[in-house]
Amino acid sequence: MSAIMIDLETMDNRPTSAIASIGAVWFEPSGSWIGRTFHMHVDLADCLRLGLTIGADTFVWWLGQSEDAIATLRNGQDGAAPLVTALEALDAFADFDDPEFGEVWCNGASFDFPILANAFRAAGGKTPWRFWQERDLRTLKGLSPDLRIERSGTHHNALDDALHQARLVQHILTSRNEAVA
């Protein structure tokens, strides 16, 4: 079964957060296949117009991140898409309405999913996947604390994070399946 991993870079840690960028990748959770990728920056001013929030703590947190992460965040605002455009593009990339669509993963069920659901509502839509399709890497990592992989790419770059997270799901599930066999 193929799935999609989504990662967000945000400006708050509440469900009302403004989204700075969205990264996603198709992958096979119990295999090694990594497929097409998606990366889009979201116009923060548009997010604010729609009632999404920027938190002071998160803003200060961003100031402590790597130069590459900050540059990606800053430079991504040049020509960034309106929120509705970014969400429509994500929906088209994932094709959530396809009856064959499997799972949608994120790093934290209490972070990415509520922020995305709120963003879809703020943009006049609804969450395009079904709640039973949601999967959470944070729980999987907690069940397998000894199974980790080397990190590549820029931390807090939405696409790099989505790719790393997809590969980590694959590593954990493959390792656990091999241990059972």
C-alpha atoms as a PDB file:
ATOM      1  CA  MET A   1       0.000   0.000   0.000  1.00  0.00           C
ATOM      2  CA  SER A   2       1.323   3.413  -0.866  1.00  0.00           C
ATOM      3  CA  ALA A   3       0.973   6.356   1.453  1.00  0.00           C
ATOM      4  CA  ILE A   4       1.861   9.997   1.677  1.00  0.00           C
ATOM      5  CA  MET A   5       4.030  11.659   4.331  1.00  0.00           C
ATOM      6  CA  ILE A   6       3.278  15.328   4.997  1.00  0.00           C
ATOM      7  CA  ASP A   7       5.417  17.779   6.936  1.00  0.00           C
ATOM      8  CA  LEU A   8       4.632  21.396   7.743  1.00  0.00           C
ATOM      9  CA  GLU A   9       6.807  24.312   8.679  1.00  0.00           C
ATOM     10  CA  THR A  10       4.658  26.611  10.764  1.00  0.00           C
ATOM     11  CA  MET A  11       4.745  29.869  12.657  1.00  0.00           C
ATOM     12  CA  ASP A  12       2.906  28.686  15.789  1.00  0.00           C
ATOM     13  CA  ASN A  13       2.415  25.420  17.652  1.00  0.00           C
ATOM     14  CA  ARG A  14      -1.360  25.769  17.991  1.00  0.00           C
ATOM     15  CA  PRO A  15      -3.925  24.287  15.565  1.00  0.00           C
ATOM     16  CA  THR A  16      -4.544  27.834  14.310  1.00  0.00           C
ATOM     17  CA  SER A  17      -0.954  28.203  13.111  1.00  0.00           C
ATOM     18  CA  ALA A  18       0.025  29.957   9.911  1.00  0.00           C
ATOM     19  CA  ILE A  19       1.744  27.518   7.546  1.00  0.00           C
ATOM     20  CA  ALA A  20       5.025  28.651   5.988  1.00  0.00           C
ATOM     21  CA  SER A  21       5.574  25.572   3.817  1.00  0.00           C
ATOM     22  CA  ILE A  22       4.210  22.128   3.055  1.00  0.00           C
ATOM     23  CA  GLY A  23       6.333  19.142   2.062  1.00  0.00           C
ATOM     24  CA  ALA A  24       5.024  15.732   1.056  1.00  0.00           C
ATOM     25  CA  VAL A  25       6.269  12.514  -0.476  1.00  0.00           C
ATOM     26  CA  TRP A  26       4.651   9.324  -1.736  1.00  0.00           C
ATOM     27  CA  PHE A  27       6.183   6.209  -0.173  1.00  0.00           C
ATOM     28  CA  GLU A  28       5.605   2.551   0.656  1.00  0.00           C
ATOM     29  CA  PRO A  29       5.507   2.310   4.481  1.00  0.00           C
ATOM     30  CA  SER A  30       6.576  -1.342   4.683  1.00  0.00           C
ATOM     31  CA  GLY A  31       8.937  -1.252   1.717  1.00  0.00           C
ATOM     32  CA  SER A  32      11.689   0.884   0.242  1.00  0.00           C
ATOM     33  CA  TRP A  33       9.878   2.799  -2.504  1.00  0.00           C
ATOM     34  CA  ILE A  34      10.022   6.601  -2.342  1.00  0.00           C
ATOM     35  CA  GLY A  35       7.975   8.334  -5.021  1.00  0.00           C
ATOM     36  CA  ARG A  36       7.017  11.786  -6.210  1.00  0.00           C
ATOM     37  CA  THR A  37       7.546  14.775  -3.959  1.00  0.00           C
ATOM     38  CA  PHE A  38       5.709  18.024  -3.274  1.00  0.00           C
ATOM     39  CA  HIS A  39       7.029  21.244  -1.771  1.00  0.00           C
ATOM     40  CA  MET A  40       5.239  24.573  -1.671  1.00  0.00           C
ATOM     41  CA  HIS A  41       5.765  27.744   0.322  1.00  0.00           C
ATOM     42  CA  VAL A  42       2.675  29.465   1.693  1.00  0.00           C
ATOM     43  CA  ASP A  43       2.200  33.224   1.875  1.00  0.00           C
ATOM     44  CA  LEU A  44       2.241  34.081   5.580  1.00  0.00           C
ATOM     45  CA  ALA A  45       0.430  37.391   5.028  1.00  0.00           C
ATOM     46  CA  ASP A  46      -2.392  35.464   3.348  1.00  0.00           C
ATOM     47  CA  CYS A  47      -2.498  33.053   6.310  1.00  0.00           C
ATOM     48  CA  LEU A  48      -2.857  36.008   8.685  1.00  0.00           C
ATOM     49  CA  ARG A  49      -5.670  37.500   6.555  1.00  0.00           C
ATOM     50  CA  LEU A  50      -7.503  34.185   6.943  1.00  0.00           C
ATOM     51  CA  GLY A  51      -7.151  34.294  10.735  1.00  0.00           C
ATOM     52  CA  LEU A  52      -4.212  31.927  11.183  1.00  0.00           C
ATOM     53  CA  THR A  53      -1.709  32.793  13.882  1.00  0.00           C
ATOM     54  CA  ILE A  54       1.965  33.494  14.483  1.00  0.00           C
ATOM     55  CA  GLY A  55       3.223  32.701  17.967  1.00  0.00           C
ATOM     56  CA  ALA A  56       6.009  34.667  19.607  1.00  0.00           C
ATOM     57  CA  ASP A  57       7.578  31.498  21.049  1.00  0.00           C
ATOM     58  CA  THR A  58       7.692  29.895  17.606  1.00  0.00           C
ATOM     59  CA  PHE A  59       9.115  33.050  16.040  1.00  0.00           C
ATOM     60  CA  VAL A  60      11.923  33.064  18.630  1.00  0.00           C
ATOM     61  CA  TRP A  61      12.428  29.311  18.083  1.00  0.00           C
ATOM     62  CA  TRP A  62      12.900  29.924  14.346  1.00  0.00           C
ATOM     63  CA  LEU A  63      15.636  32.483  15.120  1.00  0.00           C
ATOM     64  CA  GLY A  64      17.629  29.671  16.763  1.00  0.00           C
ATOM     65  CA  GLN A  65      17.483  27.318  13.766  1.00  0.00           C
ATOM     66  CA  SER A  66      20.217  26.749  11.202  1.00  0.00           C
ATOM     67  CA  GLU A  67      21.081  29.398   8.633  1.00  0.00           C
ATOM     68  CA  ASP A  68      19.840  27.052   5.888  1.00  0.00           C
ATOM     69  CA  ALA A  69      16.465  26.565   7.577  1.00  0.00           C
ATOM     70  CA  ILE A  70      16.018  30.294   8.173  1.00  0.00           C
ATOM     71  CA  ALA A  71      17.062  31.109   4.603  1.00  0.00           C
ATOM     72  CA  THR A  72      14.573  28.558   3.225  1.00  0.00           C
ATOM     73  CA  LEU A  73      11.817  30.068   5.350  1.00  0.00           C
ATOM     74  CA  ARG A  74      12.691  33.649   4.395  1.00  0.00           C
ATOM     75  CA  ASN A  75      13.369  33.039   0.694  1.00  0.00           C
ATOM     76  CA  GLY A  76      10.279  30.885   0.379  1.00  0.00           C
ATOM     77  CA  GLN A  77       8.095  33.923   1.016  1.00  0.00           C
ATOM     78  CA  ASP A  78       9.204  35.420  -2.311  1.00  0.00           C
ATOM     79  CA  GLY A  79       6.452  34.232  -4.622  1.00  0.00           C
ATOM     80  CA  ALA A  80       4.801  32.059  -1.963  1.00  0.00           C
ATOM     81  CA  ALA A  81       1.338  30.741  -2.832  1.00  0.00           C
ATOM     82  CA  PRO A  82      -1.886  31.839  -1.183  1.00  0.00           C
ATOM     83  CA  LEU A  83      -3.063  29.261   1.370  1.00  0.00           C
ATOM     84  CA  VAL A  84      -5.986  28.033  -0.734  1.00  0.00           C
ATOM     85  CA  THR A  85      -3.668  27.513  -3.730  1.00  0.00           C
ATOM     86  CA  ALA A  86      -1.180  25.513  -1.645  1.00  0.00           C
ATOM     87  CA  LEU A  87      -3.906  23.333  -0.136  1.00  0.00           C
ATOM     88  CA  GLU A  88      -5.510  22.707  -3.529  1.00  0.00           C
ATOM     89  CA  ALA A  89      -2.084  21.752  -4.909  1.00  0.00           C
ATOM     90  CA  LEU A  90      -1.491  19.349  -1.998  1.00  0.00           C
ATOM     91  CA  ASP A  91      -4.926  17.802  -2.535  1.00  0.00           C
ATOM     92  CA  ALA A  92      -4.214  17.365  -6.259  1.00  0.00           C
ATOM     93  CA  PHE A  93      -0.760  15.887  -5.541  1.00  0.00           C
ATOM     94  CA  ALA A  94      -2.158  13.380  -3.052  1.00  0.00           C
ATOM     95  CA  ASP A  95      -5.453  12.685  -4.851  1.00  0.00           C
ATOM     96  CA  PHE A  96      -7.110  11.909  -1.509  1.00  0.00           C
ATOM     97  CA  ASP A  97     -10.418  11.141  -3.286  1.00  0.00           C
ATOM     98  CA  ASP A  98      -8.922   8.206  -5.185  1.00  0.00           C
ATOM     99  CA  PRO A  99     -10.533   5.025  -3.777  1.00  0.00           C
ATOM    100  CA  GLU A 100      -7.073   3.424  -3.839  1.00  0.00           C
ATOM    101  CA  PHE A 101      -5.570   6.115  -1.590  1.00  0.00           C
ATOM    102  CA  GLY A 102      -4.095   4.448   1.488  1.00  0.00           C
ATOM    103  CA  GLU A 103      -2.635   6.336   4.431  1.00  0.00           C
ATOM    104  CA  VAL A 104      -1.598   9.869   5.267  1.00  0.00           C
ATOM    105  CA  TRP A 105       1.321  10.131   7.692  1.00  0.00           C
ATOM    106  CA  CYS A 106       2.829  12.981   9.671  1.00  0.00           C
ATOM    107  CA  ASN A 107       5.361  13.234  12.478  1.00  0.00           C
ATOM    108  CA  GLY A 108       2.870  14.146  15.181  1.00  0.00           C
ATOM    109  CA  ALA A 109      -0.869  13.486  15.188  1.00  0.00           C
ATOM    110  CA  SER A 110      -1.423  16.377  17.593  1.00  0.00           C
ATOM    111  CA  PHE A 111       0.536  18.846  15.450  1.00  0.00           C
ATOM    112  CA  ASP A 112       0.406  18.533  11.645  1.00  0.00           C
ATOM    113  CA  PHE A 113      -3.089  17.046  11.310  1.00  0.00           C
ATOM    114  CA  PRO A 114      -4.935  19.665  13.421  1.00  0.00           C
ATOM    115  CA  ILE A 115      -3.027  22.514  11.762  1.00  0.00           C
ATOM    116  CA  LEU A 116      -3.852  21.203   8.294  1.00  0.00           C
ATOM    117  CA  ALA A 117      -7.507  20.592   9.211  1.00  0.00           C
ATOM    118  CA  ASN A 118      -7.805  24.146  10.520  1.00  0.00           C
ATOM    119  CA  ALA A 119      -6.064  25.542   7.433  1.00  0.00           C
ATOM    120  CA  PHE A 120      -8.487  23.714   5.125  1.00  0.00           C
ATOM    121  CA  ARG A 121     -11.418  25.190   7.110  1.00  0.00           C
ATOM    122  CA  ALA A 122      -9.878  28.686   7.043  1.00  0.00           C
ATOM    123  CA  ALA A 123      -9.520  28.392   3.268  1.00  0.00           C
ATOM    124  CA  GLY A 124     -13.195  27.428   2.942  1.00  0.00           C
ATOM    125  CA  GLY A 125     -12.787  23.677   2.560  1.00  0.00           C
ATOM    126  CA  LYS A 126     -12.694  20.514   4.614  1.00  0.00           C
ATOM    127  CA  THR A 127     -10.011  17.981   5.397  1.00  0.00           C
ATOM    128  CA  PRO A 128      -9.760  15.866   2.224  1.00  0.00           C
ATOM    129  CA  TRP A 129      -8.758  12.549   3.812  1.00  0.00           C
ATOM    130  CA  ARG A 130     -10.692  10.336   6.204  1.00  0.00           C
ATOM    131  CA  PHE A 131      -9.731  10.243   9.873  1.00  0.00           C
ATOM    132  CA  TRP A 132      -9.062   6.506   9.762  1.00  0.00           C
ATOM    133  CA  GLN A 133      -6.328   7.077   7.165  1.00  0.00           C
ATOM    134  CA  GLU A 134      -4.172   9.099   9.588  1.00  0.00           C
ATOM    135  CA  ARG A 135      -0.897   7.600  10.805  1.00  0.00           C
ATOM    136  CA  ASP A 136       1.575   9.061  13.299  1.00  0.00           C
ATOM    137  CA  LEU A 137       5.362   8.649  13.182  1.00  0.00           C
ATOM    138  CA  ARG A 138       5.872   9.979  16.727  1.00  0.00           C
ATOM    139  CA  THR A 139       3.964   7.003  18.169  1.00  0.00           C
ATOM    140  CA  LEU A 140       5.901   4.590  15.965  1.00  0.00           C
ATOM    141  CA  LYS A 141       9.211   6.129  17.136  1.00  0.00           C
ATOM    142  CA  GLY A 142       8.085   5.779  20.751  1.00  0.00           C
ATOM    143  CA  LEU A 143       7.422   2.079  20.226  1.00  0.00           C
ATOM    144  CA  SER A 144      10.854   1.592  18.632  1.00  0.00           C
ATOM    145  CA  PRO A 145      13.263   4.009  20.346  1.00  0.00           C
ATOM    146  CA  ASP A 146      16.317   2.004  19.253  1.00  0.00           C
ATOM    147  CA  LEU A 147      15.501   2.214  15.534  1.00  0.00           C
ATOM    148  CA  ARG A 148      16.781   5.406  13.950  1.00  0.00           C
ATOM    149  CA  ILE A 149      18.471   6.380  10.671  1.00  0.00           C
ATOM    150  CA  GLU A 150      21.034   8.990   9.694  1.00  0.00           C
ATOM    151  CA  ARG A 151      19.499  12.324   8.836  1.00  0.00           C
ATOM    152  CA  SER A 152      20.066  13.965   5.437  1.00  0.00           C
ATOM    153  CA  GLY A 153      18.892  17.317   4.149  1.00  0.00           C
ATOM    154  CA  THR A 154      18.079  20.481   6.054  1.00  0.00           C
ATOM    155  CA  HIS A 155      16.256  20.181   9.359  1.00  0.00           C
ATOM    156  CA  HIS A 156      13.018  22.200   9.248  1.00  0.00           C
ATOM    157  CA  ASN A 157      12.804  22.203   5.483  1.00  0.00           C
ATOM    158  CA  ALA A 158       9.338  20.699   4.919  1.00  0.00           C
ATOM    159  CA  LEU A 159      10.343  18.472   1.997  1.00  0.00           C
ATOM    160  CA  ASP A 160      13.602  17.280   3.567  1.00  0.00           C
ATOM    161  CA  ASP A 161      11.729  16.494   6.792  1.00  0.00           C
ATOM    162  CA  ALA A 162       8.961  14.610   4.917  1.00  0.00           C
ATOM    163  CA  LEU A 163      11.560  12.512   3.090  1.00  0.00           C
ATOM    164  CA  HIS A 164      13.441  11.718   6.301  1.00  0.00           C
ATOM    165  CA  GLN A 165      10.213  10.824   8.094  1.00  0.00           C
ATOM    166  CA  ALA A 166       9.083   8.520   5.259  1.00  0.00           C
ATOM    167  CA  ARG A 167      12.439   6.732   5.291  1.00  0.00           C
ATOM    168  CA  LEU A 168      12.260   6.390   9.075  1.00  0.00           C
ATOM    169  CA  VAL A 169       8.790   4.796   8.875  1.00  0.00           C
ATOM    170  CA  GLN A 170      10.178   2.357   6.304  1.00  0.00           C
ATOM    171  CA  HIS A 171      13.198   1.544   8.467  1.00  0.00           C
ATOM    172  CA  ILE A 172      11.128   0.962  11.615  1.00  0.00           C
ATOM    173  CA  LEU A 173       8.414  -1.125   9.933  1.00  0.00           C
ATOM    174  CA  THR A 174      10.894  -3.184   7.919  1.00  0.00           C
ATOM    175  CA  SER A 175      13.073  -3.816  11.002  1.00  0.00           C
ATOM    176  CA  ARG A 176      10.057  -4.782  13.123  1.00  0.00           C
ATOM    177  CA  ASN A 177       8.742  -7.094  10.387  1.00  0.00           C
ATOM    178  CA  GLU A 178      12.141  -8.770  10.039  1.00  0.00           C
ATOM    179  CA  ALA A 179      12.337  -9.280  13.805  1.00  0.00           C
ATOM    180  CA  VAL A 180       8.962 -11.034  13.778  1.00  0.00           C
ATOM    181  CA  ALA A 181       9.820 -13.265  10.798  1.00  0.00           C
END
